[in-house]
């Protein structure tokens, strides 16, 4: 199956892959938690450590999603 846009591929994987769907939910959760921390006027040292941890987890989940999406992309013809 070939997808013309990245958003079509994401939508397909969210519908067909429980793991991809789980990663998508995790990313949204991390975004919300990061936004909550960033909305504070002052962050404690613990808040800053938590923000850093959440950003790393979000990035790891995004990287894994990109790897999964790359498996569905057609190989370029030389």
PDB file of N, CA and C in Angstrom:
ATOM      1  N   UNK A   1       0.848  -1.177   0.000  1.00  0.00           N
ATOM      2  CA  UNK A   1       0.000   0.000   0.000  1.00  0.00           C
ATOM      3  C   UNK A   1       0.888   1.232   0.000  1.00  0.00           C
ATOM      4  N   UNK A   2       0.563   2.205  -0.838  1.00  0.00           N
ATOM      5  CA  UNK A   2       1.356   3.421  -0.939  1.00  0.00           C
ATOM      6  C   UNK A   2       0.548   4.603  -0.424  1.00  0.00           C
ATOM      7  N   UNK A   3       1.228   5.477   0.323  1.00  0.00           N
ATOM      8  CA  UNK A   3       0.575   6.650   0.893  1.00  0.00           C
ATOM      9  C   UNK A   3       1.206   7.892   0.297  1.00  0.00           C
ATOM     10  N   UNK A   4       0.369   8.865  -0.057  1.00  0.00           N
ATOM     11  CA  UNK A   4       0.893  10.054  -0.714  1.00  0.00           C
ATOM     12  C   UNK A   4       1.382  11.110   0.277  1.00  0.00           C
ATOM     13  N   UNK A   5       0.873  11.088   1.499  1.00  0.00           N
ATOM     14  CA  UNK A   5       1.314  12.063   2.491  1.00  0.00           C
ATOM     15  C   UNK A   5       1.668  11.373   3.801  1.00  0.00           C
ATOM     16  N   UNK A   6       2.470  12.069   4.578  1.00  0.00           N
ATOM     17  CA  UNK A   6       2.856  11.556   5.886  1.00  0.00           C
ATOM     18  C   UNK A   6       1.623  11.413   6.781  1.00  0.00           C
ATOM     19  N   UNK A   7       0.696  12.356   6.678  1.00  0.00           N
ATOM     20  CA  UNK A   7      -0.500  12.291   7.527  1.00  0.00           C
ATOM     21  C   UNK A   7      -1.379  11.095   7.170  1.00  0.00           C
ATOM     22  N   UNK A   8      -1.425  10.721   5.885  1.00  0.00           N
ATOM     23  CA  UNK A   8      -2.177   9.512   5.497  1.00  0.00           C
ATOM     24  C   UNK A   8      -1.541   8.271   6.104  1.00  0.00           C
ATOM     25  N   UNK A   9      -0.228   8.212   6.053  1.00  0.00           N
ATOM     26  CA  UNK A   9       0.482   7.065   6.618  1.00  0.00           C
ATOM     27  C   UNK A   9       0.269   6.992   8.123  1.00  0.00           C
ATOM     28  N   UNK A  10       0.364   8.137   8.817  1.00  0.00           N
ATOM     29  CA  UNK A  10       0.133   8.160  10.265  1.00  0.00           C
ATOM     30  C   UNK A  10      -1.280   7.671  10.585  1.00  0.00           C
ATOM     31  N   UNK A  11      -2.259   8.169   9.837  1.00  0.00           N
ATOM     32  CA  UNK A  11      -3.651   7.771  10.077  1.00  0.00           C
ATOM     33  C   UNK A  11      -3.818   6.271   9.876  1.00  0.00           C
ATOM     34  N   UNK A  12      -3.196   5.726   8.839  1.00  0.00           N
ATOM     35  CA  UNK A  12      -3.270   4.289   8.579  1.00  0.00           C
ATOM     36  C   UNK A  12      -2.642   3.500   9.728  1.00  0.00           C
ATOM     37  N   UNK A  13      -1.465   3.915  10.166  1.00  0.00           N
ATOM     38  CA  UNK A  13      -0.778   3.184  11.234  1.00  0.00           C
ATOM     39  C   UNK A  13      -1.514   3.296  12.563  1.00  0.00           C
ATOM     40  N   UNK A  14      -2.113   4.436  12.825  1.00  0.00           N
ATOM     41  CA  UNK A  14      -2.889   4.590  14.066  1.00  0.00           C
ATOM     42  C   UNK A  14      -4.072   3.624  14.056  1.00  0.00           C
ATOM     43  N   UNK A  15      -4.674   3.431  12.878  1.00  0.00           N
ATOM     44  CA  UNK A  15      -5.826   2.522  12.771  1.00  0.00           C
ATOM     45  C   UNK A  15      -5.412   1.058  12.818  1.00  0.00           C
ATOM     46  N   UNK A  16      -4.236   0.731  12.283  1.00  0.00           N
ATOM     47  CA  UNK A  16      -3.882  -0.674  12.094  1.00  0.00           C
ATOM     48  C   UNK A  16      -2.837  -1.206  13.060  1.00  0.00           C
ATOM     49  N   UNK A  17      -2.105  -0.341  13.742  1.00  0.00           N
ATOM     50  CA  UNK A  17      -1.036  -0.795  14.625  1.00  0.00           C
ATOM     51  C   UNK A  17      -1.288  -0.349  16.059  1.00  0.00           C
ATOM     52  N   UNK A  18      -1.589  -1.283  16.942  1.00  0.00           N
ATOM     53  CA  UNK A  18      -1.805  -0.919  18.345  1.00  0.00           C
ATOM     54  C   UNK A  18      -0.576  -0.228  18.962  1.00  0.00           C
ATOM     55  N   UNK A  19       0.616  -0.674  18.585  1.00  0.00           N
ATOM     56  CA  UNK A  19       1.829  -0.081  19.142  1.00  0.00           C
ATOM     57  C   UNK A  19       1.992   1.368  18.662  1.00  0.00           C
ATOM     58  N   UNK A  20       1.762   1.617  17.386  1.00  0.00           N
ATOM     59  CA  UNK A  20       1.854   2.974  16.837  1.00  0.00           C
ATOM     60  C   UNK A  20       0.821   3.870  17.517  1.00  0.00           C
ATOM     61  N   UNK A  21      -0.377   3.344  17.682  1.00  0.00           N
ATOM     62  CA  UNK A  21      -1.455   4.101  18.341  1.00  0.00           C
ATOM     63  C   UNK A  21      -1.045   4.438  19.785  1.00  0.00           C
ATOM     64  N   UNK A  22      -0.445   3.475  20.471  1.00  0.00           N
ATOM     65  CA  UNK A  22       0.010   3.693  21.838  1.00  0.00           C
ATOM     66  C   UNK A  22       1.086   4.778  21.895  1.00  0.00           C
ATOM     67  N   UNK A  23       2.007   4.754  20.948  1.00  0.00           N
ATOM     68  CA  UNK A  23       3.046   5.781  20.897  1.00  0.00           C
ATOM     69  C   UNK A  23       2.426   7.156  20.674  1.00  0.00           C
ATOM     70  N   UNK A  24       1.432   7.238  19.821  1.00  0.00           N
ATOM     71  CA  UNK A  24       0.756   8.497  19.540  1.00  0.00           C
ATOM     72  C   UNK A  24       0.086   9.043  20.803  1.00  0.00           C
ATOM     73  N   UNK A  25      -0.553   8.174  21.550  1.00  0.00           N
ATOM     74  CA  UNK A  25      -1.210   8.585  22.800  1.00  0.00           C
ATOM     75  C   UNK A  25      -0.162   9.041  23.815  1.00  0.00           C
ATOM     76  N   UNK A  26       0.941   8.298  23.899  1.00  0.00           N
ATOM     77  CA  UNK A  26       2.018   8.676  24.820  1.00  0.00           C
ATOM     78  C   UNK A  26       2.541  10.072  24.496  1.00  0.00           C
ATOM     79  N   UNK A  27       2.765  10.348  23.219  1.00  0.00           N
ATOM     80  CA  UNK A  27       3.289  11.654  22.811  1.00  0.00           C
ATOM     81  C   UNK A  27       2.333  12.769  23.223  1.00  0.00           C
ATOM     82  N   UNK A  28       1.044  12.565  23.002  1.00  0.00           N
ATOM     83  CA  UNK A  28       0.061  13.577  23.392  1.00  0.00           C
ATOM     84  C   UNK A  28       0.066  13.788  24.905  1.00  0.00           C
ATOM     85  N   UNK A  29       0.203  12.710  25.658  1.00  0.00           N
ATOM     86  CA  UNK A  29       0.262  12.812  27.119  1.00  0.00           C
ATOM     87  C   UNK A  29       1.496  13.596  27.541  1.00  0.00           C
ATOM     88  N   UNK A  30       2.639  13.267  26.945  1.00  0.00           N
ATOM     89  CA  UNK A  30       3.873  13.994  27.266  1.00  0.00           C
ATOM     90  C   UNK A  30       3.736  15.478  26.930  1.00  0.00           C
ATOM     91  N   UNK A  31       3.129  15.786  25.775  1.00  0.00           N
ATOM     92  CA  UNK A  31       2.935  17.190  25.380  1.00  0.00           C
ATOM     93  C   UNK A  31       2.140  17.946  26.437  1.00  0.00           C
ATOM     94  N   UNK A  32       1.042  17.335  26.900  1.00  0.00           N
ATOM     95  CA  UNK A  32       0.199  17.997  27.894  1.00  0.00           C
ATOM     96  C   UNK A  32       0.955  18.230  29.195  1.00  0.00           C
ATOM     97  N   UNK A  33       1.701  17.218  29.637  1.00  0.00           N
ATOM     98  CA  UNK A  33       2.456  17.349  30.880  1.00  0.00           C
ATOM     99  C   UNK A  33       3.556  18.405  30.755  1.00  0.00           C
ATOM    100  N   UNK A  34       4.227  18.433  29.621  1.00  0.00           N
ATOM    101  CA  UNK A  34       5.266  19.442  29.378  1.00  0.00           C
ATOM    102  C   UNK A  34       4.641  20.834  29.364  1.00  0.00           C
ATOM    103  N   UNK A  35       3.501  20.973  28.683  1.00  0.00           N
ATOM    104  CA  UNK A  35       2.813  22.269  28.634  1.00  0.00           C
ATOM    105  C   UNK A  35       2.425  22.743  30.037  1.00  0.00           C
ATOM    106  N   UNK A  36       1.959  21.805  30.869  1.00  0.00           N
ATOM    107  CA  UNK A  36       1.595  22.167  32.246  1.00  0.00           C
ATOM    108  C   UNK A  36       2.812  22.687  33.008  1.00  0.00           C
ATOM    109  N   UNK A  37       3.946  22.008  32.848  1.00  0.00           N
ATOM    110  CA  UNK A  37       5.154  22.452  33.534  1.00  0.00           C
ATOM    111  C   UNK A  37       5.616  23.809  33.006  1.00  0.00           C
ATOM    112  N   UNK A  38       5.578  23.972  31.680  1.00  0.00           N
ATOM    113  CA  UNK A  38       6.057  25.216  31.083  1.00  0.00           C
ATOM    114  C   UNK A  38       5.141  26.397  31.388  1.00  0.00           C
ATOM    115  N   UNK A  39       3.907  26.131  31.776  1.00  0.00           N
ATOM    116  CA  UNK A  39       2.985  27.220  32.089  1.00  0.00           C
ATOM    117  C   UNK A  39       3.212  27.790  33.496  1.00  0.00           C
ATOM    118  N   UNK A  40       4.010  27.097  34.299  1.00  0.00           N
ATOM    119  CA  UNK A  40       4.307  27.584  35.645  1.00  0.00           C
ATOM    120  C   UNK A  40       5.216  28.811  35.557  1.00  0.00           C
ATOM    121  N   UNK A  41       4.998  29.742  36.471  1.00  0.00           N
ATOM    122  CA  UNK A  41       5.820  30.953  36.494  1.00  0.00           C
ATOM    123  C   UNK A  41       7.268  30.616  36.845  1.00  0.00           C
ATOM    124  N   UNK A  42       7.456  29.725  37.792  1.00  0.00           N
ATOM    125  CA  UNK A  42       8.799  29.332  38.225  1.00  0.00           C
ATOM    126  C   UNK A  42       8.850  27.818  38.365  1.00  0.00           C
ATOM    127  N   UNK A  43       9.900  27.232  37.833  1.00  0.00           N
ATOM    128  CA  UNK A  43      10.075  25.792  37.950  1.00  0.00           C
ATOM    129  C   UNK A  43      11.077  25.483  39.054  1.00  0.00           C
ATOM    130  N   UNK A  44      10.739  24.494  39.844  1.00  0.00           N
ATOM    131  CA  UNK A  44      11.692  24.021  40.844  1.00  0.00           C
ATOM    132  C   UNK A  44      12.714  23.134  40.129  1.00  0.00           C
ATOM    133  N   UNK A  45      13.746  22.753  40.833  1.00  0.00           N
ATOM    134  CA  UNK A  45      14.748  21.852  40.255  1.00  0.00           C
ATOM    135  C   UNK A  45      14.094  20.527  39.867  1.00  0.00           C
ATOM    136  N   UNK A  46      13.186  20.061  40.695  1.00  0.00           N
ATOM    137  CA  UNK A  46      12.472  18.815  40.379  1.00  0.00           C
ATOM    138  C   UNK A  46      11.611  18.977  39.129  1.00  0.00           C
ATOM    139  N   UNK A  47      10.961  20.134  39.004  1.00  0.00           N
ATOM    140  CA  UNK A  47      10.145  20.402  37.814  1.00  0.00           C
ATOM    141  C   UNK A  47      11.012  20.400  36.557  1.00  0.00           C
ATOM    142  N   UNK A  48      12.177  21.027  36.651  1.00  0.00           N
ATOM    143  CA  UNK A  48      13.072  21.077  35.500  1.00  0.00           C
ATOM    144  C   UNK A  48      13.556  19.680  35.114  1.00  0.00           C
ATOM    145  N   UNK A  49      13.859  18.857  36.109  1.00  0.00           N
ATOM    146  CA  UNK A  49      14.283  17.481  35.827  1.00  0.00           C
ATOM    147  C   UNK A  49      13.147  16.690  35.187  1.00  0.00           C
ATOM    148  N   UNK A  50      11.938  16.888  35.685  1.00  0.00           N
ATOM    149  CA  UNK A  50      10.777  16.196  35.126  1.00  0.00           C
ATOM    150  C   UNK A  50      10.506  16.654  33.696  1.00  0.00           C
ATOM    151  N   UNK A  51      10.629  17.952  33.445  1.00  0.00           N
ATOM    152  CA  UNK A  51      10.434  18.476  32.104  1.00  0.00           C
ATOM    153  C   UNK A  51      11.455  17.850  31.140  1.00  0.00           C
ATOM    154  N   UNK A  52      12.691  17.785  31.557  1.00  0.00           N
ATOM    155  CA  UNK A  52      13.747  17.187  30.729  1.00  0.00           C
ATOM    156  C   UNK A  52      13.447  15.707  30.459  1.00  0.00           C
ATOM    157  N   UNK A  53      13.017  14.993  31.506  1.00  0.00           N
ATOM    158  CA  UNK A  53      12.689  13.561  31.365  1.00  0.00           C
ATOM    159  C   UNK A  53      11.536  13.365  30.384  1.00  0.00           C
ATOM    160  N   UNK A  54      10.502  14.179  30.503  1.00  0.00           N
ATOM    161  CA  UNK A  54       9.343  14.064  29.621  1.00  0.00           C
ATOM    162  C   UNK A  54       9.705  14.381  28.171  1.00  0.00           C
ATOM    163  N   UNK A  55      10.548  15.385  27.980  1.00  0.00           N
ATOM    164  CA  UNK A  55      10.971  15.735  26.618  1.00  0.00           C
ATOM    165  C   UNK A  55      11.772  14.600  25.988  1.00  0.00           C
ATOM    166  N   UNK A  56      12.606  13.932  26.790  1.00  0.00           N
ATOM    167  CA  UNK A  56      13.370  12.794  26.272  1.00  0.00           C
ATOM    168  C   UNK A  56      12.435  11.643  25.888  1.00  0.00           C
ATOM    169  N   UNK A  57      11.476  11.357  26.755  1.00  0.00           N
ATOM    170  CA  UNK A  57      10.522  10.289  26.470  1.00  0.00           C
ATOM    171  C   UNK A  57       9.702  10.592  25.221  1.00  0.00           C
ATOM    172  N   UNK A  58       9.294  11.840  25.086  1.00  0.00           N
ATOM    173  CA  UNK A  58       8.524  12.257  23.906  1.00  0.00           C
ATOM    174  C   UNK A  58       9.358  12.079  22.641  1.00  0.00           C
ATOM    175  N   UNK A  59      10.609  12.479  22.695  1.00  0.00           N
ATOM    176  CA  UNK A  59      11.496  12.341  21.545  1.00  0.00           C
ATOM    177  C   UNK A  59      11.722  10.868  21.192  1.00  0.00           C
ATOM    178  N   UNK A  60      11.905  10.036  22.197  1.00  0.00           N
ATOM    179  CA  UNK A  60      12.089   8.599  21.946  1.00  0.00           C
ATOM    180  C   UNK A  60      10.860   8.007  21.267  1.00  0.00           C
ATOM    181  N   UNK A  61       9.681   8.385  21.724  1.00  0.00           N
ATOM    182  CA  UNK A  61       8.443   7.882  21.121  1.00  0.00           C
ATOM    183  C   UNK A  61       8.313   8.370  19.679  1.00  0.00           C
ATOM    184  N   UNK A  62       8.647   9.640  19.442  1.00  0.00           N
ATOM    185  CA  UNK A  62       8.583  10.178  18.077  1.00  0.00           C
ATOM    186  C   UNK A  62       9.570   9.462  17.163  1.00  0.00           C
ATOM    187  N   UNK A  63      10.765   9.211  17.669  1.00  0.00           N
ATOM    188  CA  UNK A  63      11.772   8.496  16.872  1.00  0.00           C
ATOM    189  C   UNK A  63      11.280   7.105  16.501  1.00  0.00           C
ATOM    190  N   UNK A  64      10.664   6.430  17.460  1.00  0.00           N
ATOM    191  CA  UNK A  64      10.146   5.086  17.174  1.00  0.00           C
ATOM    192  C   UNK A  64       9.028   5.141  16.135  1.00  0.00           C
ATOM    193  N   UNK A  65       8.170   6.151  16.218  1.00  0.00           N
ATOM    194  CA  UNK A  65       7.115   6.309  15.218  1.00  0.00           C
ATOM    195  C   UNK A  65       7.714   6.550  13.836  1.00  0.00           C
ATOM    196  N   UNK A  66       8.752   7.397  13.778  1.00  0.00           N
ATOM    197  CA  UNK A  66       9.406   7.674  12.490  1.00  0.00           C
ATOM    198  C   UNK A  66      10.021   6.405  11.901  1.00  0.00           C
ATOM    199  N   UNK A  67      10.613   5.587  12.755  1.00  0.00           N
ATOM    200  CA  UNK A  67      11.191   4.325  12.280  1.00  0.00           C
ATOM    201  C   UNK A  67      10.106   3.417  11.714  1.00  0.00           C
ATOM    202  N   UNK A  68       8.984   3.347  12.398  1.00  0.00           N
ATOM    203  CA  UNK A  68       7.879   2.525  11.904  1.00  0.00           C
ATOM    204  C   UNK A  68       7.363   3.063  10.578  1.00  0.00           C
ATOM    205  N   UNK A  69       7.270   4.383  10.466  1.00  0.00           N
ATOM    206  CA  UNK A  69       6.780   4.986   9.231  1.00  0.00           C
ATOM    207  C   UNK A  69       7.767   4.761   8.083  1.00  0.00           C
ATOM    208  N   UNK A  70       9.045   4.776   8.382  1.00  0.00           N
ATOM    209  CA  UNK A  70      10.061   4.591   7.349  1.00  0.00           C
ATOM    210  C   UNK A  70       9.950   3.212   6.703  1.00  0.00           C
ATOM    211  N   UNK A  71       9.497   2.228   7.456  1.00  0.00           N
ATOM    212  CA  UNK A  71       9.331   0.867   6.900  1.00  0.00           C
ATOM    213  C   UNK A  71       8.240   0.820   5.851  1.00  0.00           C
ATOM    214  N   UNK A  72       7.327   1.798   5.862  1.00  0.00           N
ATOM    215  CA  UNK A  72       6.225   1.818   4.907  1.00  0.00           C
ATOM    216  C   UNK A  72       6.506   2.675   3.687  1.00  0.00           C
ATOM    217  N   UNK A  73       7.591   3.444   3.727  1.00  0.00           N
ATOM    218  CA  UNK A  73       7.914   4.319   2.601  1.00  0.00           C
ATOM    219  C   UNK A  73       8.539   3.508   1.477  1.00  0.00           C
ATOM    220  N   UNK A  74       8.151   3.754   0.246  1.00  0.00           N
ATOM    221  CA  UNK A  74       8.767   3.026  -0.871  1.00  0.00           C
ATOM    222  C   UNK A  74      10.240   3.416  -1.018  1.00  0.00           C
ATOM    223  N   UNK A  75      11.043   2.454  -1.428  1.00  0.00           N
ATOM    224  CA  UNK A  75      12.461   2.713  -1.647  1.00  0.00           C
ATOM    225  C   UNK A  75      12.621   3.587  -2.891  1.00  0.00           C
ATOM    226  N   UNK A  76      13.512   4.582  -2.839  1.00  0.00           N
ATOM    227  CA  UNK A  76      13.729   5.405  -4.040  1.00  0.00           C
ATOM    228  C   UNK A  76      14.368   4.581  -5.160  1.00  0.00           C
ATOM    229  N   UNK A  77      13.923   4.835  -6.372  1.00  0.00           N
ATOM    230  CA  UNK A  77      14.452   4.116  -7.534  1.00  0.00           C
ATOM    231  C   UNK A  77      15.635   4.903  -8.071  1.00  0.00           C
ATOM    232  N   UNK A  78      16.768   4.204  -8.271  1.00  0.00           N
ATOM    233  CA  UNK A  78      17.966   4.889  -8.761  1.00  0.00           C
ATOM    234  C   UNK A  78      17.961   4.944 -10.267  1.00  0.00           C
TER     235      UNK A  78
END
